[in-house]
Amino acid sequence: MYPIRIHYEKIYDLFIEGSFDQAVAQKKEADKIYGKNFWTPQLLYIEAVYYIKQRNDSTATDVLNSIISQFANTPLAGKAANLISVLKRRKEIETELTNMVITRNEDSTTTFTTPVNKPVVIAPPVKDTGAIVKTQPVVPVNNPPKDTTVTKPAIPVNTAFSYKPNEAHYVMLVLTKVDPVFVNEAKNAFVRYNKDTYYNKTFSVDLFELNPDNRLLLIAPFKTAQEAIDYIEKTRPKTATEILPWLKGGKYSFSILDNTNFEVLKNTKDIEKYKEFINQQLPGKF
């Protein structure tokens, strides 16, 4: 069974990274060899998303129904049922979106919005509708609370990045080698999670393409670094099981980011250098 699992994990990676035609071809060959008795709900879910992207709703529905029947009482079964209900209303939703004059990509689906590839700035909370929203620069917080829990750097780091824990921050989810269609699904998943979990708050959720391999999902507002860290500590344990159960580990990582470092990062494009920097400021947090 172990070689079979490796084979299907490679197919999963092809889907997630956007090599759809190659993934479909290899999956057909694998099914001929191993039969259809080896499935993972994650692979089925991303395969369904691929068919939705192709506007092949009937095939997508069949795949989603197989998740519900084979993997009942799992988080992905619930997500599959929700996606089926959305597909049934595709035309209605698309008409509503058109009438609202929302910018949409031609090959996007009713559940996926176009990635935002532009500078994002932390702003007062705005309602996330899936539309591209212009935000205003963050207003400095007067008399911010003293941060008593965030670890300060012991050794200066030779870098253009700076650490200002009392400034406003994003929670940043770094998505590595993930196709835009699944990046958008990740965004939608966090929009739903925030609405369900923080019903008395409104978070913005935006996307930024840093480089060909890395896209940033930015959640705001958080008044300080510690507020952003608190959100991560509450959310991270739920990410793999409830929020993004279809996206395997290694494809995403959490961090925090303020506007000053965001500007530096947009210029350097070096996410690994930033991770190294922030991990020296906050060892063990990420």
C-alpha atoms as a PDB file:
ATOM      1  CA  MET A   1       0.000   0.000   0.000  1.00  0.00           C
ATOM      2  CA  TYR A   2       2.906   2.323   0.716  1.00  0.00           C
ATOM      3  CA  PRO A   3       4.032   2.636  -2.969  1.00  0.00           C
ATOM      4  CA  ILE A   4       0.403   3.253  -3.915  1.00  0.00           C
ATOM      5  CA  ARG A   5       0.170   6.100  -1.422  1.00  0.00           C
ATOM      6  CA  ILE A   6       3.363   7.672  -2.794  1.00  0.00           C
ATOM      7  CA  HIS A   7       1.970   7.412  -6.325  1.00  0.00           C
ATOM      8  CA  TYR A   8      -1.268   9.151  -5.420  1.00  0.00           C
ATOM      9  CA  GLU A   9       0.514  11.803  -3.371  1.00  0.00           C
ATOM     10  CA  LYS A  10       2.507  12.714  -6.484  1.00  0.00           C
ATOM     11  CA  ILE A  11      -0.784  13.040  -8.371  1.00  0.00           C
ATOM     12  CA  TYR A  12      -2.122  15.211  -5.548  1.00  0.00           C
ATOM     13  CA  ASP A  13       0.906  17.505  -5.866  1.00  0.00           C
ATOM     14  CA  LEU A  14       0.360  17.812  -9.622  1.00  0.00           C
ATOM     15  CA  PHE A  15      -3.241  18.918  -9.016  1.00  0.00           C
ATOM     16  CA  ILE A  16      -2.325  21.384  -6.250  1.00  0.00           C
ATOM     17  CA  GLU A  17       0.514  22.912  -8.278  1.00  0.00           C
ATOM     18  CA  GLY A  18      -1.711  23.380 -11.323  1.00  0.00           C
ATOM     19  CA  SER A  19      -0.478  20.635 -13.667  1.00  0.00           C
ATOM     20  CA  PHE A  20      -4.066  19.547 -14.216  1.00  0.00           C
ATOM     21  CA  ASP A  21      -3.775  17.674 -17.512  1.00  0.00           C
ATOM     22  CA  GLN A  22      -0.790  15.699 -16.264  1.00  0.00           C
ATOM     23  CA  ALA A  23      -2.549  14.956 -12.983  1.00  0.00           C
ATOM     24  CA  VAL A  24      -5.709  13.678 -14.675  1.00  0.00           C
ATOM     25  CA  ALA A  25      -3.683  11.479 -17.059  1.00  0.00           C
ATOM     26  CA  GLN A  26      -1.593   9.976 -14.255  1.00  0.00           C
ATOM     27  CA  LYS A  27      -4.641   9.410 -12.088  1.00  0.00           C
ATOM     28  CA  LYS A  28      -6.340   7.448 -14.879  1.00  0.00           C
ATOM     29  CA  GLU A  29      -3.234   5.278 -15.247  1.00  0.00           C
ATOM     30  CA  ALA A  30      -2.980   4.764 -11.485  1.00  0.00           C
ATOM     31  CA  ASP A  31      -6.639   3.740 -11.308  1.00  0.00           C
ATOM     32  CA  LYS A  32      -6.029   1.143 -14.021  1.00  0.00           C
ATOM     33  CA  ILE A  33      -3.146  -0.318 -12.021  1.00  0.00           C
ATOM     34  CA  TYR A  34      -4.542  -0.139  -8.501  1.00  0.00           C
ATOM     35  CA  GLY A  35      -8.266   0.002  -9.125  1.00  0.00           C
ATOM     36  CA  LYS A  36     -10.507   2.603  -7.528  1.00  0.00           C
ATOM     37  CA  ASN A  37     -10.162   1.208  -4.030  1.00  0.00           C
ATOM     38  CA  PHE A  38      -7.442   3.634  -3.020  1.00  0.00           C
ATOM     39  CA  TRP A  39      -8.756   7.140  -2.534  1.00  0.00           C
ATOM     40  CA  THR A  40      -8.085  10.011  -0.236  1.00  0.00           C
ATOM     41  CA  PRO A  41     -10.752  12.635   0.417  1.00  0.00           C
ATOM     42  CA  GLN A  42      -8.137  15.341  -0.187  1.00  0.00           C
ATOM     43  CA  LEU A  43      -7.365  14.053  -3.676  1.00  0.00           C
ATOM     44  CA  LEU A  44     -11.053  13.712  -4.510  1.00  0.00           C
ATOM     45  CA  TYR A  45     -11.801  17.228  -3.295  1.00  0.00           C
ATOM     46  CA  ILE A  46      -9.094  18.948  -5.316  1.00  0.00           C
ATOM     47  CA  GLU A  47     -10.063  16.835  -8.337  1.00  0.00           C
ATOM     48  CA  ALA A  48     -13.628  18.138  -7.961  1.00  0.00           C
ATOM     49  CA  VAL A  49     -12.332  21.698  -7.756  1.00  0.00           C
ATOM     50  CA  TYR A  50     -10.448  21.108 -11.005  1.00  0.00           C
ATOM     51  CA  TYR A  51     -13.653  20.004 -12.740  1.00  0.00           C
ATOM     52  CA  ILE A  52     -15.459  23.054 -11.368  1.00  0.00           C
ATOM     53  CA  LYS A  53     -12.740  25.235 -12.856  1.00  0.00           C
ATOM     54  CA  GLN A  54     -13.383  23.456 -16.178  1.00  0.00           C
ATOM     55  CA  ARG A  55     -17.120  24.160 -15.694  1.00  0.00           C
ATOM     56  CA  ASN A  56     -17.761  20.420 -15.764  1.00  0.00           C
ATOM     57  CA  ASP A  57     -20.270  20.590 -12.926  1.00  0.00           C
ATOM     58  CA  SER A  58     -21.798  17.139 -13.422  1.00  0.00           C
ATOM     59  CA  THR A  59     -18.456  15.347 -13.070  1.00  0.00           C
ATOM     60  CA  ALA A  60     -17.518  17.569 -10.128  1.00  0.00           C
ATOM     61  CA  THR A  61     -20.811  16.698  -8.419  1.00  0.00           C
ATOM     62  CA  ASP A  62     -20.173  12.973  -8.919  1.00  0.00           C
ATOM     63  CA  VAL A  63     -16.733  13.275  -7.343  1.00  0.00           C
ATOM     64  CA  LEU A  64     -18.097  15.322  -4.435  1.00  0.00           C
ATOM     65  CA  ASN A  65     -20.851  12.780  -3.847  1.00  0.00           C
ATOM     66  CA  SER A  66     -18.210  10.052  -3.672  1.00  0.00           C
ATOM     67  CA  ILE A  67     -16.550  11.977  -0.847  1.00  0.00           C
ATOM     68  CA  ILE A  68     -19.854  12.144   1.023  1.00  0.00           C
ATOM     69  CA  SER A  69     -20.523   8.425   0.558  1.00  0.00           C
ATOM     70  CA  GLN A  70     -16.984   7.133   1.214  1.00  0.00           C
ATOM     71  CA  PHE A  71     -15.859   9.574   3.883  1.00  0.00           C
ATOM     72  CA  ALA A  72     -19.008  10.426   5.796  1.00  0.00           C
ATOM     73  CA  ASN A  73     -18.649  12.304   9.081  1.00  0.00           C
ATOM     74  CA  THR A  74     -15.393  13.947   8.013  1.00  0.00           C
ATOM     75  CA  PRO A  75     -14.780  17.696   7.564  1.00  0.00           C
ATOM     76  CA  LEU A  76     -14.361  17.219   3.802  1.00  0.00           C
ATOM     77  CA  ALA A  77     -17.733  15.507   3.532  1.00  0.00           C
ATOM     78  CA  GLY A  78     -19.339  18.651   4.914  1.00  0.00           C
ATOM     79  CA  LYS A  79     -17.337  20.850   2.550  1.00  0.00           C
ATOM     80  CA  ALA A  80     -18.305  18.615  -0.372  1.00  0.00           C
ATOM     81  CA  ALA A  81     -21.999  18.941   0.479  1.00  0.00           C
ATOM     82  CA  ASN A  82     -21.652  22.718   0.703  1.00  0.00           C
ATOM     83  CA  LEU A  83     -19.881  22.874  -2.652  1.00  0.00           C
ATOM     84  CA  ILE A  84     -22.641  20.818  -4.292  1.00  0.00           C
ATOM     85  CA  SER A  85     -25.279  23.253  -3.011  1.00  0.00           C
ATOM     86  CA  VAL A  86     -23.276  26.153  -4.454  1.00  0.00           C
ATOM     87  CA  LEU A  87     -22.917  24.406  -7.811  1.00  0.00           C
ATOM     88  CA  LYS A  88     -26.680  23.963  -8.013  1.00  0.00           C
ATOM     89  CA  ARG A  89     -27.005  27.733  -7.718  1.00  0.00           C
ATOM     90  CA  ARG A  90     -24.125  28.609 -10.052  1.00  0.00           C
ATOM     91  CA  LYS A  91     -26.225  30.497 -12.623  1.00  0.00           C
ATOM     92  CA  GLU A  92     -28.201  32.316  -9.958  1.00  0.00           C
ATOM     93  CA  ILE A  93     -25.058  33.357  -8.101  1.00  0.00           C
ATOM     94  CA  GLU A  94     -23.284  34.419 -11.288  1.00  0.00           C
ATOM     95  CA  THR A  95     -26.276  36.566 -12.225  1.00  0.00           C
ATOM     96  CA  GLU A  96     -26.251  38.179  -8.788  1.00  0.00           C
ATOM     97  CA  LEU A  97     -22.520  38.860  -9.031  1.00  0.00           C
ATOM     98  CA  THR A  98     -22.909  40.350 -12.518  1.00  0.00           C
ATOM     99  CA  ASN A  99     -25.674  42.648 -11.342  1.00  0.00           C
ATOM    100  CA  MET A 100     -23.454  43.772  -8.473  1.00  0.00           C
ATOM    101  CA  VAL A 101     -20.740  44.680 -11.032  1.00  0.00           C
ATOM    102  CA  ILE A 102     -18.106  42.663  -9.223  1.00  0.00           C
ATOM    103  CA  THR A 103     -14.837  42.097 -11.088  1.00  0.00           C
ATOM    104  CA  ARG A 104     -14.586  38.410 -11.964  1.00  0.00           C
ATOM    105  CA  ASN A 105     -12.172  36.282 -13.954  1.00  0.00           C
ATOM    106  CA  GLU A 106     -13.714  34.447 -16.899  1.00  0.00           C
ATOM    107  CA  ASP A 107     -12.559  31.044 -15.725  1.00  0.00           C
ATOM    108  CA  SER A 108     -13.329  31.588 -12.057  1.00  0.00           C
ATOM    109  CA  THR A 109     -16.180  29.652 -10.487  1.00  0.00           C
ATOM    110  CA  THR A 110     -18.936  30.786  -8.210  1.00  0.00           C
ATOM    111  CA  THR A 111     -16.805  29.944  -5.184  1.00  0.00           C
ATOM    112  CA  PHE A 112     -13.472  31.327  -6.353  1.00  0.00           C
ATOM    113  CA  THR A 113     -12.478  34.973  -6.666  1.00  0.00           C
ATOM    114  CA  THR A 114      -9.649  36.479  -8.666  1.00  0.00           C
ATOM    115  CA  PRO A 115      -6.340  36.741  -6.741  1.00  0.00           C
ATOM    116  CA  VAL A 116      -5.339  40.287  -5.861  1.00  0.00           C
ATOM    117  CA  ASN A 117      -1.864  40.938  -7.267  1.00  0.00           C
ATOM    118  CA  LYS A 118      -1.303  44.415  -5.887  1.00  0.00           C
ATOM    119  CA  PRO A 119      -0.005  46.037  -2.701  1.00  0.00           C
ATOM    120  CA  VAL A 120      -2.261  45.400   0.253  1.00  0.00           C
ATOM    121  CA  VAL A 121      -2.369  47.709   3.243  1.00  0.00           C
ATOM    122  CA  ILE A 122      -3.879  47.102   6.636  1.00  0.00           C
ATOM    123  CA  ALA A 123      -7.101  49.013   6.955  1.00  0.00           C
ATOM    124  CA  PRO A 124     -10.107  49.368   9.216  1.00  0.00           C
ATOM    125  CA  PRO A 125     -12.277  46.243   8.955  1.00  0.00           C
ATOM    126  CA  VAL A 126     -14.268  45.906   5.744  1.00  0.00           C
ATOM    127  CA  LYS A 127     -16.870  43.381   4.760  1.00  0.00           C
ATOM    128  CA  ASP A 128     -15.337  40.709   2.500  1.00  0.00           C
ATOM    129  CA  THR A 129     -17.687  40.178  -0.458  1.00  0.00           C
ATOM    130  CA  GLY A 130     -15.270  38.530  -2.867  1.00  0.00           C
ATOM    131  CA  ALA A 131     -14.836  41.851  -4.696  1.00  0.00           C
ATOM    132  CA  ILE A 132     -11.504  43.587  -4.988  1.00  0.00           C
ATOM    133  CA  VAL A 133     -11.602  46.304  -2.334  1.00  0.00           C
ATOM    134  CA  LYS A 134      -9.414  49.396  -2.257  1.00  0.00           C
ATOM    135  CA  THR A 135      -8.065  49.915   1.232  1.00  0.00           C
ATOM    136  CA  GLN A 136      -6.526  52.911   2.978  1.00  0.00           C
ATOM    137  CA  PRO A 137      -3.247  52.980   4.926  1.00  0.00           C
ATOM    138  CA  VAL A 138      -3.503  52.020   8.530  1.00  0.00           C
ATOM    139  CA  VAL A 139      -3.953  54.810  11.069  1.00  0.00           C
ATOM    140  CA  PRO A 140      -1.331  54.612  13.822  1.00  0.00           C
ATOM    141  CA  VAL A 141      -2.730  53.346  17.087  1.00  0.00           C
ATOM    142  CA  ASN A 142      -2.615  55.947  19.862  1.00  0.00           C
ATOM    143  CA  ASN A 143      -1.163  54.766  23.141  1.00  0.00           C
ATOM    144  CA  PRO A 144      -0.880  51.089  22.116  1.00  0.00           C
ATOM    145  CA  PRO A 145      -0.905  48.590  24.957  1.00  0.00           C
ATOM    146  CA  LYS A 146       2.477  47.527  26.217  1.00  0.00           C
ATOM    147  CA  ASP A 147       3.482  44.164  24.818  1.00  0.00           C
ATOM    148  CA  THR A 148       4.726  42.012  27.659  1.00  0.00           C
ATOM    149  CA  THR A 149       4.660  38.610  25.970  1.00  0.00           C
ATOM    150  CA  VAL A 150       6.425  39.023  22.633  1.00  0.00           C
ATOM    151  CA  THR A 151      10.055  37.979  22.740  1.00  0.00           C
ATOM    152  CA  LYS A 152      12.527  40.692  21.746  1.00  0.00           C
ATOM    153  CA  PRO A 153      15.557  39.877  19.582  1.00  0.00           C
ATOM    154  CA  ALA A 154      18.664  38.933  21.498  1.00  0.00           C
ATOM    155  CA  ILE A 155      21.023  39.380  18.544  1.00  0.00           C
ATOM    156  CA  PRO A 156      20.726  42.109  15.864  1.00  0.00           C
ATOM    157  CA  VAL A 157      19.946  40.698  12.440  1.00  0.00           C
ATOM    158  CA  ASN A 158      21.678  42.085   9.363  1.00  0.00           C
ATOM    159  CA  THR A 159      18.580  42.733   7.277  1.00  0.00           C
ATOM    160  CA  ALA A 160      16.364  45.486   5.915  1.00  0.00           C
ATOM    161  CA  PHE A 161      13.465  44.091   7.948  1.00  0.00           C
ATOM    162  CA  SER A 162      12.560  45.690  11.261  1.00  0.00           C
ATOM    163  CA  TYR A 163      10.597  44.491  14.264  1.00  0.00           C
ATOM    164  CA  LYS A 164       7.924  46.837  15.633  1.00  0.00           C
ATOM    165  CA  PRO A 165       5.562  44.734  17.764  1.00  0.00           C
ATOM    166  CA  ASN A 166       3.266  47.632  18.665  1.00  0.00           C
ATOM    167  CA  GLU A 167       2.420  48.463  15.069  1.00  0.00           C
ATOM    168  CA  ALA A 168      -0.596  47.017  13.260  1.00  0.00           C
ATOM    169  CA  HIS A 169       0.009  43.587  11.720  1.00  0.00           C
ATOM    170  CA  TYR A 170      -1.387  41.073   9.300  1.00  0.00           C
ATOM    171  CA  VAL A 171      -1.702  37.391   9.968  1.00  0.00           C
ATOM    172  CA  MET A 172       0.090  35.951   6.935  1.00  0.00           C
ATOM    173  CA  LEU A 173      -0.463  32.501   5.469  1.00  0.00           C
ATOM    174  CA  VAL A 174       2.278  31.663   2.959  1.00  0.00           C
ATOM    175  CA  LEU A 175       1.021  29.274   0.260  1.00  0.00           C
ATOM    176  CA  THR A 176       3.875  27.575  -1.586  1.00  0.00           C
ATOM    177  CA  LYS A 177       3.497  26.028  -5.053  1.00  0.00           C
ATOM    178  CA  VAL A 178      -0.289  26.131  -4.876  1.00  0.00           C
ATOM    179  CA  ASP A 179      -2.274  26.883  -8.041  1.00  0.00           C
ATOM    180  CA  PRO A 180      -4.364  30.105  -7.936  1.00  0.00           C
ATOM    181  CA  VAL A 181      -7.643  28.177  -8.047  1.00  0.00           C
ATOM    182  CA  PHE A 182      -6.741  26.453  -4.752  1.00  0.00           C
ATOM    183  CA  VAL A 183      -5.275  29.656  -3.328  1.00  0.00           C
ATOM    184  CA  ASN A 184      -8.681  31.240  -3.859  1.00  0.00           C
ATOM    185  CA  GLU A 185     -10.382  28.290  -2.214  1.00  0.00           C
ATOM    186  CA  ALA A 186      -8.059  28.803   0.775  1.00  0.00           C
ATOM    187  CA  LYS A 187      -9.094  32.455   0.905  1.00  0.00           C
ATOM    188  CA  ASN A 188     -12.773  31.510   0.857  1.00  0.00           C
ATOM    189  CA  ALA A 189     -12.186  28.939   3.584  1.00  0.00           C
ATOM    190  CA  PHE A 190     -10.699  31.591   5.887  1.00  0.00           C
ATOM    191  CA  VAL A 191     -13.500  34.024   5.069  1.00  0.00           C
ATOM    192  CA  ARG A 192     -16.008  31.377   6.183  1.00  0.00           C
ATOM    193  CA  TYR A 193     -13.961  30.465   9.256  1.00  0.00           C
ATOM    194  CA  ASN A 194     -13.675  34.093  10.363  1.00  0.00           C
ATOM    195  CA  LYS A 195     -17.397  34.699   9.935  1.00  0.00           C
ATOM    196  CA  ASP A 196     -18.278  31.568  11.904  1.00  0.00           C
ATOM    197  CA  THR A 197     -15.680  31.996  14.653  1.00  0.00           C
ATOM    198  CA  TYR A 198     -15.445  35.782  15.007  1.00  0.00           C
ATOM    199  CA  TYR A 199     -19.069  36.687  14.319  1.00  0.00           C
ATOM    200  CA  ASN A 200     -18.682  39.945  16.270  1.00  0.00           C
ATOM    201  CA  LYS A 201     -15.667  41.070  14.196  1.00  0.00           C
ATOM    202  CA  THR A 202     -15.013  41.745  10.527  1.00  0.00           C
ATOM    203  CA  PHE A 203     -11.703  40.734   8.985  1.00  0.00           C
ATOM    204  CA  SER A 204     -10.402  41.559   5.533  1.00  0.00           C
ATOM    205  CA  VAL A 205      -8.859  38.625   3.670  1.00  0.00           C
ATOM    206  CA  ASP A 206      -6.647  39.490   0.693  1.00  0.00           C
ATOM    207  CA  LEU A 207      -4.211  37.740  -1.611  1.00  0.00           C
ATOM    208  CA  PHE A 208      -0.867  38.901  -2.915  1.00  0.00           C
ATOM    209  CA  GLU A 209       1.373  37.061  -5.373  1.00  0.00           C
ATOM    210  CA  LEU A 210       4.899  37.511  -4.025  1.00  0.00           C
ATOM    211  CA  ASN A 211       6.676  35.406  -6.658  1.00  0.00           C
ATOM    212  CA  PRO A 212       5.812  32.459  -8.936  1.00  0.00           C
ATOM    213  CA  ASP A 213       6.092  29.960  -6.078  1.00  0.00           C
ATOM    214  CA  ASN A 214       4.619  31.888  -3.154  1.00  0.00           C
ATOM    215  CA  ARG A 215       1.303  33.641  -2.628  1.00  0.00           C
ATOM    216  CA  LEU A 216       0.413  35.438   0.567  1.00  0.00           C
ATOM    217  CA  LEU A 217      -2.997  35.290   2.207  1.00  0.00           C
ATOM    218  CA  LEU A 218      -3.237  38.365   4.440  1.00  0.00           C
ATOM    219  CA  ILE A 219      -5.800  38.676   7.237  1.00  0.00           C
ATOM    220  CA  ALA A 220      -6.362  42.007   9.026  1.00  0.00           C
ATOM    221  CA  PRO A 221      -6.762  44.066  11.143  1.00  0.00           C
ATOM    222  CA  PHE A 222      -4.691  43.289  14.227  1.00  0.00           C
ATOM    223  CA  LYS A 223      -3.565  46.243  16.357  1.00  0.00           C
ATOM    224  CA  THR A 224      -0.290  44.644  17.468  1.00  0.00           C
ATOM    225  CA  ALA A 225       1.965  41.717  16.730  1.00  0.00           C
ATOM    226  CA  GLN A 226       0.626  39.948  19.804  1.00  0.00           C
ATOM    227  CA  GLU A 227      -2.973  40.192  18.576  1.00  0.00           C
ATOM    228  CA  ALA A 228      -1.905  38.545  15.323  1.00  0.00           C
ATOM    229  CA  ILE A 229      -0.026  35.838  17.223  1.00  0.00           C
ATOM    230  CA  ASP A 230      -3.083  35.160  19.395  1.00  0.00           C
ATOM    231  CA  TYR A 231      -5.169  34.631  16.260  1.00  0.00           C
ATOM    232  CA  ILE A 232      -2.596  32.194  14.858  1.00  0.00           C
ATOM    233  CA  GLU A 233      -2.363  30.223  18.096  1.00  0.00           C
ATOM    234  CA  LYS A 234      -6.129  29.780  18.118  1.00  0.00           C
ATOM    235  CA  THR A 235      -6.457  29.070  14.393  1.00  0.00           C
ATOM    236  CA  ARG A 236      -3.443  26.933  13.535  1.00  0.00           C
ATOM    237  CA  PRO A 237      -4.655  23.779  15.361  1.00  0.00           C
ATOM    238  CA  LYS A 238      -7.896  23.914  13.334  1.00  0.00           C
ATOM    239  CA  THR A 239      -6.337  24.583   9.951  1.00  0.00           C
ATOM    240  CA  ALA A 240      -5.441  21.035   8.927  1.00  0.00           C
ATOM    241  CA  THR A 241      -8.650  19.476  10.254  1.00  0.00           C
ATOM    242  CA  GLU A 242     -11.370  22.107   9.749  1.00  0.00           C
ATOM    243  CA  ILE A 243     -10.279  25.035   7.585  1.00  0.00           C
ATOM    244  CA  LEU A 244      -7.992  23.523   4.929  1.00  0.00           C
ATOM    245  CA  PRO A 245      -8.329  19.744   5.386  1.00  0.00           C
ATOM    246  CA  TRP A 246      -7.773  19.258   1.636  1.00  0.00           C
ATOM    247  CA  LEU A 247      -4.360  21.006   1.660  1.00  0.00           C
ATOM    248  CA  LYS A 248      -1.567  18.870   3.064  1.00  0.00           C
ATOM    249  CA  GLY A 249       1.162  20.130   5.345  1.00  0.00           C
ATOM    250  CA  GLY A 250       4.209  21.661   3.731  1.00  0.00           C
ATOM    251  CA  LYS A 251       2.100  23.709   1.333  1.00  0.00           C
ATOM    252  CA  TYR A 252       1.371  26.495   3.811  1.00  0.00           C
ATOM    253  CA  SER A 253       2.860  28.200   6.850  1.00  0.00           C
ATOM    254  CA  PHE A 254       1.746  30.948   9.250  1.00  0.00           C
ATOM    255  CA  SER A 255       3.571  34.146  10.108  1.00  0.00           C
ATOM    256  CA  ILE A 256       2.902  37.816  10.869  1.00  0.00           C
ATOM    257  CA  LEU A 257       3.741  40.920   8.843  1.00  0.00           C
ATOM    258  CA  ASP A 258       3.471  44.678   9.264  1.00  0.00           C
ATOM    259  CA  ASN A 259       3.252  47.309   6.514  1.00  0.00           C
ATOM    260  CA  THR A 260       6.912  48.325   6.733  1.00  0.00           C
ATOM    261  CA  ASN A 261       8.162  44.769   6.307  1.00  0.00           C
ATOM    262  CA  PHE A 262       5.570  44.149   3.610  1.00  0.00           C
ATOM    263  CA  GLU A 263       7.103  46.927   1.510  1.00  0.00           C
ATOM    264  CA  VAL A 264      10.566  45.419   1.981  1.00  0.00           C
ATOM    265  CA  LEU A 265       9.286  41.945   1.158  1.00  0.00           C
ATOM    266  CA  LYS A 266       7.637  43.143  -2.052  1.00  0.00           C
ATOM    267  CA  ASN A 267      11.028  44.401  -3.181  1.00  0.00           C
ATOM    268  CA  THR A 268      13.180  41.473  -2.089  1.00  0.00           C
ATOM    269  CA  LYS A 269      10.663  38.699  -2.904  1.00  0.00           C
ATOM    270  CA  ASP A 270      12.621  36.587  -0.409  1.00  0.00           C
ATOM    271  CA  ILE A 271      10.072  34.940   1.865  1.00  0.00           C
ATOM    272  CA  GLU A 272      12.651  32.567   3.356  1.00  0.00           C
ATOM    273  CA  LYS A 273      14.813  35.487   4.495  1.00  0.00           C
ATOM    274  CA  TYR A 274      11.781  37.099   6.115  1.00  0.00           C
ATOM    275  CA  LYS A 275      10.865  33.841   7.858  1.00  0.00           C
ATOM    276  CA  GLU A 276      14.417  33.611   9.169  1.00  0.00           C
ATOM    277  CA  PHE A 277      14.189  37.184  10.440  1.00  0.00           C
ATOM    278  CA  ILE A 278      10.820  36.863  12.172  1.00  0.00           C
ATOM    279  CA  ASN A 279      11.780  33.517  13.699  1.00  0.00           C
ATOM    280  CA  GLN A 280      14.796  35.169  15.305  1.00  0.00           C
ATOM    281  CA  GLN A 281      12.503  37.799  16.804  1.00  0.00           C
ATOM    282  CA  LEU A 282       9.893  35.281  17.910  1.00  0.00           C
ATOM    283  CA  PRO A 283      11.625  31.923  18.360  1.00  0.00           C
ATOM    284  CA  GLY A 284       9.287  28.972  18.435  1.00  0.00           C
ATOM    285  CA  LYS A 285       6.167  30.942  17.461  1.00  0.00           C
ATOM    286  CA  PHE A 286       6.023  29.879  13.818  1.00  0.00           C
END
